[in-house]
Amino acid sequence: MDFVEFKELVFEAIAQNDGRWTWYQLDRRLMGANPEMTTSLMPAINELIRDRRIRVMPDSPIPGQPRYEVVPTNS
């Protein structure tokens, strides 16, 4: 799987669980089926944030494990 495809999988997983998942849940969900992408999760999340497709929620209950949500298209 290439990085662009993987980044879309990350986005879809975040969209399906909008605001509920941290990088840890994303890792558990996606790495079983895509072990070759293990080092690509955080770069994918960072690109999605940079592209303003997702954002970090400010009220994360676990330090160091921010939750992610989709940025509304009208933002």
Protein backbone atom coordinates (compact mmCIF):
# COMPACT_ATOMS: atom_id res chain seq x y z
CA MET A 1 0.00 0.00 0.00
CA ASP A 2 1.35 3.43 -0.79
CA PHE A 3 1.31 6.38 1.59
CA VAL A 4 -1.51 8.26 -0.16
CA GLU A 5 -3.83 5.25 0.08
CA PHE A 6 -2.86 4.72 3.70
CA LYS A 7 -3.50 8.38 4.53
CA GLU A 8 -7.03 7.99 3.14
CA LEU A 9 -7.55 4.91 5.33
CA VAL A 10 -6.46 6.95 8.35
CA PHE A 11 -8.87 9.74 7.38
CA GLU A 12 -11.75 7.29 6.93
CA ALA A 13 -11.07 5.68 10.33
CA ILE A 14 -11.03 9.12 11.98
CA ALA A 15 -14.24 10.10 10.18
CA GLN A 16 -16.01 6.91 11.30
CA ASN A 17 -15.00 7.51 14.92
CA ASP A 18 -15.05 11.30 14.87
CA GLY A 19 -13.61 12.66 18.07
CA ARG A 20 -13.43 9.35 19.90
CA TRP A 21 -10.09 7.86 18.83
CA THR A 22 -6.48 8.68 19.64
CA TRP A 23 -3.45 7.60 17.64
CA TYR A 24 -3.42 4.43 19.76
CA GLN A 25 -6.85 3.25 18.61
CA LEU A 26 -5.97 4.18 15.03
CA ASP A 27 -2.78 2.16 15.30
CA ARG A 28 -4.62 -0.89 16.67
CA ARG A 29 -7.29 -0.63 13.96
CA LEU A 30 -5.05 -0.09 10.96
CA MET A 31 -1.76 -1.86 11.66
CA GLY A 32 -3.14 -5.40 11.82
CA ALA A 33 -4.16 -5.24 8.17
CA ASN A 34 -1.31 -2.93 7.09
CA PRO A 35 1.82 -3.84 9.11
CA GLU A 36 4.07 -2.42 6.41
CA MET A 37 2.69 1.04 7.23
CA THR A 38 3.69 1.00 10.92
CA THR A 39 5.99 4.00 10.64
CA SER A 40 3.50 5.94 8.49
CA LEU A 41 0.68 6.57 10.97
CA MET A 42 1.97 9.76 12.60
CA PRO A 43 3.20 11.25 9.29
CA ALA A 44 -0.28 10.55 7.83
CA ILE A 45 -1.99 12.19 10.83
CA ASN A 46 0.36 15.18 10.63
CA GLU A 47 -0.33 15.64 6.90
CA LEU A 48 -4.08 15.43 7.47
CA ILE A 49 -3.76 18.13 10.16
CA ARG A 50 -1.58 20.26 7.89
CA ASP A 51 -4.09 19.85 5.06
CA ARG A 52 -6.85 20.93 7.49
CA ARG A 53 -8.82 17.72 6.98
CA ILE A 54 -8.63 16.77 10.67
CA ARG A 55 -7.80 18.59 13.89
CA VAL A 56 -6.70 17.73 17.39
CA MET A 57 -9.47 17.99 19.95
CA PRO A 58 -8.48 20.24 22.84
CA ASP A 59 -10.05 18.15 25.62
CA SER A 60 -8.10 14.91 25.41
CA PRO A 61 -8.52 12.92 28.62
CA ILE A 62 -5.18 11.09 28.24
CA PRO A 63 -1.98 13.17 28.20
CA GLY A 64 0.06 12.45 25.09
CA GLN A 65 -2.88 10.82 23.31
CA PRO A 66 -4.89 13.54 21.60
CA ARG A 67 -8.18 12.64 19.96
CA TYR A 68 -8.84 13.64 16.36
CA GLU A 69 -11.92 14.95 14.58
CA VAL A 70 -12.76 15.81 10.99
CA VAL A 71 -12.72 19.49 10.14
CA PRO A 72 -16.12 20.49 8.73
CA THR A 73 -15.88 21.32 5.04
CA ASN A 74 -17.20 24.85 5.60
CA SER A 75 -14.35 25.73 8.02
